[in-house]
């Protein structure tokens, strides 16, 4: 996978060869957390993205102290290489990758393909939950160069910044206020942030969920005007998980130097008062 800018992907063969590697912690994060209990890669640690990785009072993720305590309690230290995968073509796996990076962890890999790929290949799965001794994980202060907040997005409307909307075309156009089954993540208004390019996240992957080649990805994002020299990029979706997938493509696979994920995304923007919205395509 040398054609990508960074060595951040591993294939299923590599994972199979490292199942007993104590320097590696395999982590599954699914949109549907119940899948982990049904079957997972042997030794994989499971995180519930909503119950484990989110603040349970305010809409935000865990602070550095809480994040470090969670990782340490599950046997993940700063010395471990964390290998992530999950359902839905690795939406929340990519989100958790971004989350680890935000808190300064540099030893990160994403499996090139979701949990369905591992299972479809007939590889071993288990229902056993691994037990690791508690270790120390020290999280750095959040790296704000990776995360965009609403004020920065508003300023980007009048700045030389590329916005990329990675939702479906129907969400982008305002035809859908929320996808079926995700009504709780909807907004008062539909549409997209003015000036945002529409590049649905799925255009970056093949049918089996593996990523397209670096050349194909660069052609896609340059063709949509998202990549334009060193111009900063902000990606958004509905709640930040699909845009984390696109952040991974742009930042880690293509090596773009200034890419942020706006994890407030459309549930924030579409609920704010007096912000501009477009519906034209």
Protein backbone atom coordinates (compact mmCIF):
# COMPACT_ATOMS: atom_id res chain seq x y z
CA UNK A 1 0.00 0.00 0.00
CA UNK A 2 3.00 2.20 -0.68
CA UNK A 3 1.12 4.50 -3.04
CA UNK A 4 -0.61 6.22 -0.10
CA UNK A 5 1.04 9.17 1.65
CA UNK A 6 1.20 7.48 5.07
CA UNK A 7 1.62 3.89 6.22
CA UNK A 8 -1.73 3.74 8.01
CA UNK A 9 -3.54 0.79 6.41
CA UNK A 10 -3.15 -2.92 7.06
CA UNK A 11 -4.82 -5.75 5.17
CA UNK A 12 -6.60 -8.73 6.67
CA UNK A 13 -3.55 -10.98 6.13
CA UNK A 14 -1.47 -8.64 8.28
CA UNK A 15 -4.11 -8.69 11.01
CA UNK A 16 -4.27 -12.50 10.95
CA UNK A 17 -0.50 -12.63 11.40
CA UNK A 18 -0.60 -10.26 14.42
CA UNK A 19 -3.46 -11.69 16.45
CA UNK A 20 -1.05 -12.78 19.19
CA UNK A 21 1.22 -9.74 18.99
CA UNK A 22 1.21 -8.12 22.43
CA UNK A 23 2.44 -4.85 20.94
CA UNK A 24 -0.84 -4.60 19.01
CA UNK A 25 -4.34 -3.86 20.27
CA UNK A 26 -7.11 -4.59 17.78
CA UNK A 27 -10.18 -2.43 18.39
CA UNK A 28 -13.67 -2.77 16.91
CA UNK A 29 -16.01 0.23 16.88
CA UNK A 30 -19.36 -0.28 15.18
CA UNK A 31 -22.30 1.94 14.43
CA UNK A 32 -24.33 -1.00 15.78
CA UNK A 33 -22.48 -1.99 18.99
CA UNK A 34 -24.44 -5.26 19.25
CA UNK A 35 -22.41 -6.68 16.35
CA UNK A 36 -19.33 -6.99 18.51
CA UNK A 37 -21.10 -9.43 20.84
CA UNK A 38 -22.22 -11.54 17.88
CA UNK A 39 -18.73 -12.04 16.45
CA UNK A 40 -15.43 -10.19 16.33
CA UNK A 41 -11.78 -10.70 15.44
CA UNK A 42 -10.12 -12.82 18.16
CA UNK A 43 -8.60 -10.55 20.79
CA UNK A 44 -10.40 -7.43 19.56
CA UNK A 45 -11.45 -4.90 22.19
CA UNK A 46 -14.93 -3.48 21.61
CA UNK A 47 -15.98 0.11 22.21
CA UNK A 48 -19.52 1.43 22.10
CA UNK A 49 -19.14 4.74 20.31
CA UNK A 50 -22.09 6.30 22.08
CA UNK A 51 -21.77 4.84 25.60
CA UNK A 52 -17.96 4.65 25.86
CA UNK A 53 -16.55 7.37 23.63
CA UNK A 54 -19.02 10.22 24.18
CA UNK A 55 -19.63 12.52 27.12
CA UNK A 56 -22.93 11.40 28.64
CA UNK A 57 -24.10 14.92 29.57
CA UNK A 58 -23.04 17.38 26.87
CA UNK A 59 -22.67 16.77 23.16
CA UNK A 60 -18.94 16.25 23.00
CA UNK A 61 -16.42 13.49 23.29
CA UNK A 62 -14.38 12.58 26.35
CA UNK A 63 -11.78 14.93 27.76
CA UNK A 64 -8.10 13.87 27.73
CA UNK A 65 -8.17 12.58 31.31
CA UNK A 66 -11.30 10.48 30.74
CA UNK A 67 -10.05 9.24 27.37
CA UNK A 68 -6.75 8.17 28.90
CA UNK A 69 -8.49 6.41 31.77
CA UNK A 70 -10.79 4.53 29.39
CA UNK A 71 -7.96 3.33 27.18
CA UNK A 72 -5.77 2.35 30.11
CA UNK A 73 -8.60 0.43 31.77
CA UNK A 74 -9.01 -1.67 28.62
CA UNK A 75 -5.30 -2.48 28.36
CA UNK A 76 -4.28 0.08 25.75
CA UNK A 77 -1.09 2.00 26.51
CA UNK A 78 0.81 4.70 24.64
CA UNK A 79 3.21 2.01 23.43
CA UNK A 80 0.57 -0.08 21.68
CA UNK A 81 -0.17 0.04 17.98
CA UNK A 82 -3.95 0.39 17.78
CA UNK A 83 -5.56 -1.32 14.78
CA UNK A 84 -9.16 -0.25 14.15
CA UNK A 85 -12.06 -1.69 12.19
CA UNK A 86 -15.85 -1.78 12.32
CA UNK A 87 -19.10 -1.99 10.42
CA UNK A 88 -20.53 0.45 7.87
CA UNK A 89 -17.27 0.55 5.91
CA UNK A 90 -15.33 1.65 8.98
CA UNK A 91 -17.23 4.89 9.66
CA UNK A 92 -16.77 4.78 13.40
CA UNK A 93 -13.41 3.06 13.13
CA UNK A 94 -12.17 6.06 11.15
CA UNK A 95 -13.86 8.37 13.66
CA UNK A 96 -12.03 6.63 16.51
CA UNK A 97 -8.75 6.80 14.56
CA UNK A 98 -9.25 10.57 14.28
CA UNK A 99 -10.13 10.67 17.98
CA UNK A 100 -6.88 8.87 18.94
CA UNK A 101 -4.92 11.22 16.72
CA UNK A 102 -6.65 14.20 18.33
CA UNK A 103 -5.29 13.04 21.69
CA UNK A 104 -1.78 12.54 20.41
CA UNK A 105 -1.54 8.80 19.83
CA UNK A 106 0.72 8.21 16.84
CA UNK A 107 0.68 4.41 16.54
CA UNK A 108 -2.48 3.91 14.54
CA UNK A 109 -3.66 1.65 11.72
CA UNK A 110 -7.00 1.12 10.01
CA UNK A 111 -7.89 -2.24 8.48
CA UNK A 112 -8.41 -1.79 4.76
CA UNK A 113 -11.97 -3.05 4.72
CA UNK A 114 -14.74 -3.35 7.32
CA UNK A 115 -15.65 -6.24 9.63
CA UNK A 116 -17.77 -7.69 6.83
CA UNK A 117 -14.64 -8.24 4.75
CA UNK A 118 -12.96 -10.24 7.53
CA UNK A 119 -16.08 -12.38 7.96
CA UNK A 120 -16.67 -12.87 4.22
CA UNK A 121 -13.15 -14.25 3.89
CA UNK A 122 -14.05 -17.01 6.35
CA UNK A 123 -11.52 -15.90 8.92
CA UNK A 124 -11.76 -16.84 12.59
CA UNK A 125 -14.16 -14.93 14.83
CA UNK A 126 -15.07 -15.25 18.48
CA UNK A 127 -17.53 -14.04 21.08
CA UNK A 128 -14.88 -14.05 23.82
CA UNK A 129 -14.13 -10.65 25.33
CA UNK A 130 -10.40 -10.14 25.97
CA UNK A 131 -9.19 -9.28 29.46
CA UNK A 132 -6.11 -7.10 29.82
CA UNK A 133 -4.44 -5.70 32.89
CA UNK A 134 -4.95 -1.98 33.36
CA UNK A 135 -2.09 0.12 32.01
CA UNK A 136 -1.30 3.80 31.76
CA UNK A 137 -2.41 5.82 28.77
CA UNK A 138 -1.56 9.51 28.84
CA UNK A 139 -3.61 11.55 26.41
CA UNK A 140 -2.16 14.81 25.14
CA UNK A 141 -4.24 17.96 25.05
CA UNK A 142 -6.52 17.97 22.03
CA UNK A 143 -4.86 18.81 18.71
CA UNK A 144 -7.12 21.56 17.40
CA UNK A 145 -5.46 21.41 13.99
CA UNK A 146 -7.61 18.31 13.38
CA UNK A 147 -10.99 19.57 14.60
CA UNK A 148 -13.20 22.40 13.34
CA UNK A 149 -15.82 24.14 15.46
CA UNK A 150 -18.83 26.11 14.23
CA UNK A 151 -17.18 29.54 14.56
CA UNK A 152 -14.33 28.44 12.32
CA UNK A 153 -16.77 27.01 9.79
CA UNK A 154 -18.67 30.31 9.73
CA UNK A 155 -15.43 32.20 9.13
CA UNK A 156 -14.54 29.74 6.37
CA UNK A 157 -17.51 31.00 4.36
CA UNK A 158 -15.56 34.17 3.63
CA UNK A 159 -12.08 32.63 3.61
CA UNK A 160 -9.97 30.58 1.25
CA UNK A 161 -11.10 27.26 2.71
CA UNK A 162 -12.65 24.28 0.96
CA UNK A 163 -15.74 22.76 2.59
CA UNK A 164 -16.67 19.20 1.65
CA UNK A 165 -20.08 17.68 2.43
CA UNK A 166 -19.72 13.89 2.50
CA UNK A 167 -23.39 13.02 3.03
CA UNK A 168 -25.67 11.53 0.41
CA UNK A 169 -26.76 13.72 -2.53
CA UNK A 170 -30.29 13.73 -1.11
CA UNK A 171 -29.09 15.14 2.21
CA UNK A 172 -26.87 17.67 0.44
CA UNK A 173 -29.70 18.97 -1.74
CA UNK A 174 -32.11 19.23 1.18
CA UNK A 175 -34.39 16.53 -0.19
CA UNK A 176 -33.81 14.58 3.04
CA UNK A 177 -33.66 16.23 6.43
CA UNK A 178 -32.31 12.97 7.87
CA UNK A 179 -31.74 9.48 6.53
CA UNK A 180 -34.35 6.86 7.43
CA UNK A 181 -33.55 5.44 10.84
CA UNK A 182 -31.51 8.48 11.87
CA UNK A 183 -34.29 10.88 12.72
CA UNK A 184 -32.77 11.51 16.17
CA UNK A 185 -29.73 12.94 14.38
CA UNK A 186 -31.69 15.29 12.19
CA UNK A 187 -31.95 19.06 12.18
CA UNK A 188 -34.61 21.76 11.95
CA UNK A 189 -33.45 22.66 8.45
CA UNK A 190 -32.09 20.68 5.52
CA UNK A 191 -29.59 21.58 2.85
CA UNK A 192 -25.85 22.21 2.96
CA UNK A 193 -23.34 24.82 4.08
CA UNK A 194 -22.91 27.45 1.34
CA UNK A 195 -20.05 26.70 -1.01
CA UNK A 196 -19.53 23.13 0.16
CA UNK A 197 -18.63 20.58 -2.50
CA UNK A 198 -20.66 17.37 -2.52
CA UNK A 199 -18.38 14.31 -2.41
CA UNK A 200 -20.22 11.43 -0.72
CA UNK A 201 -17.86 9.39 1.44
CA UNK A 202 -18.74 6.18 -0.47
CA UNK A 203 -17.06 7.49 -3.62
CA UNK A 204 -13.72 6.87 -1.89
CA UNK A 205 -14.16 3.11 -1.49
CA UNK A 206 -14.55 0.00 -3.62
CA UNK A 207 -17.50 -2.39 -3.38
CA UNK A 208 -15.79 -4.43 -0.65
CA UNK A 209 -15.12 -1.34 1.47
CA UNK A 210 -11.41 -1.14 0.70
CA UNK A 211 -10.07 2.25 -0.31
CA UNK A 212 -9.55 3.22 -3.91
CA UNK A 213 -6.02 3.84 -5.08
CA UNK A 214 -4.23 7.07 -4.26
CA UNK A 215 -4.40 8.15 -7.89
CA UNK A 216 -8.15 7.52 -8.05
CA UNK A 217 -8.73 9.38 -4.78
CA UNK A 218 -6.68 12.38 -5.81
CA UNK A 219 -8.49 12.57 -9.15
CA UNK A 220 -11.83 12.46 -7.30
CA UNK A 221 -11.11 15.25 -4.82
CA UNK A 222 -9.18 17.45 -7.24
CA UNK A 223 -12.00 17.07 -9.75
CA UNK A 224 -14.52 18.34 -7.19
CA UNK A 225 -12.28 21.27 -6.23
CA UNK A 226 -11.70 20.00 -2.70
CA UNK A 227 -7.95 19.66 -3.13
CA UNK A 228 -6.54 22.91 -4.46
CA UNK A 229 -2.88 23.42 -3.62
CA UNK A 230 -2.41 24.00 0.11
CA UNK A 231 -5.90 25.40 0.68
CA UNK A 232 -7.34 24.30 4.07
CA UNK A 233 -10.14 21.72 3.98
CA UNK A 234 -13.03 21.16 6.40
CA UNK A 235 -15.12 17.99 6.06
CA UNK A 236 -18.57 17.51 7.58
CA UNK A 237 -21.50 15.09 7.48
CA UNK A 238 -24.38 14.55 9.93
CA UNK A 239 -22.64 13.85 13.26
CA UNK A 240 -18.98 13.61 12.23
CA UNK A 241 -18.39 9.91 11.63
CA UNK A 242 -18.67 9.85 7.82
CA UNK A 243 -16.63 13.05 7.63
CA UNK A 244 -13.95 11.41 9.81
CA UNK A 245 -13.76 8.74 7.10
CA UNK A 246 -13.18 11.47 4.49
CA UNK A 247 -10.72 13.22 6.82
CA UNK A 248 -8.79 9.94 6.92
CA UNK A 249 -8.71 9.77 3.13
CA UNK A 250 -7.58 13.36 2.67
CA UNK A 251 -5.17 13.63 5.58
CA UNK A 252 -3.75 10.13 5.98
CA UNK A 253 -4.02 8.52 2.55
CA UNK A 254 -3.42 11.59 0.39
CA UNK A 255 -1.25 13.52 2.85
CA UNK A 256 -3.06 16.85 2.66
CA UNK A 257 -1.53 19.04 5.35
CA UNK A 258 -4.50 21.08 6.59
CA UNK A 259 -7.64 18.98 6.93
CA UNK A 260 -10.16 19.27 9.76
CA UNK A 261 -13.25 17.32 10.72
CA UNK A 262 -16.25 19.42 11.73
CA UNK A 263 -17.82 16.86 14.04
CA UNK A 264 -20.63 19.21 15.01
CA UNK A 265 -21.65 18.73 11.39
CA UNK A 266 -25.19 19.11 10.08
CA UNK A 267 -26.99 18.35 13.35
CA UNK A 268 -25.36 21.50 14.70
CA UNK A 269 -25.41 23.71 11.60
CA UNK A 270 -28.97 22.79 10.64
CA UNK A 271 -30.22 23.64 14.13
CA UNK A 272 -28.49 26.98 14.57
CA UNK A 273 -30.41 30.22 14.22
CA UNK A 274 -29.60 32.63 11.39
CA UNK A 275 -26.81 30.72 9.67
CA UNK A 276 -26.81 30.56 5.86
CA UNK A 277 -27.99 27.38 4.13
CA UNK A 278 -28.05 26.42 0.47
CA UNK A 279 -30.21 23.85 -1.30
CA UNK A 280 -29.18 24.32 -4.88
CA UNK A 281 -26.98 21.65 -6.43
